[in-house]
Amino acid sequence: MAGPVRPKLNSFVEQKASAPVPAAAVSDDAEPSREAEPPAPGPSDLKTMQVRVNRAGWVEMSRLAQDLDIPLERLMVDAFNDILLKHRKPPVVERRLPIKKG
């Protein structure tokens, strides 16, 4: 006896929208072409980094964040940028911005 048919996992995933074709590419106007602007940063540009540390390290980092009156996430971003600078890399790590719904 066969069990019930289960849905495929990709049916639960929201499909990515295809990029719209720019109007300049579709029209026949002889308008001078400009370089395309890079897309605005969005949720897909964010990546999660998970760091597991011992309890003493977590306590000290949390206390330091409280002493400096900054969120722990900002303290971690500063630490990531410091390590990049130490190894002569550009400090490109940025804190995520809250998503505004409205």
Foldseek 3Di string as FASTA:
>chain_A
DDDDDDDDPCVVPDDDDDDDDDPVVVDPDPDDDDDDDDDDDDPVNDDDDDDDDDPVVVVVLCVVCVVVVHDSQVVVLVVQLVVCVVVPHHSDRDDDDDDDDD
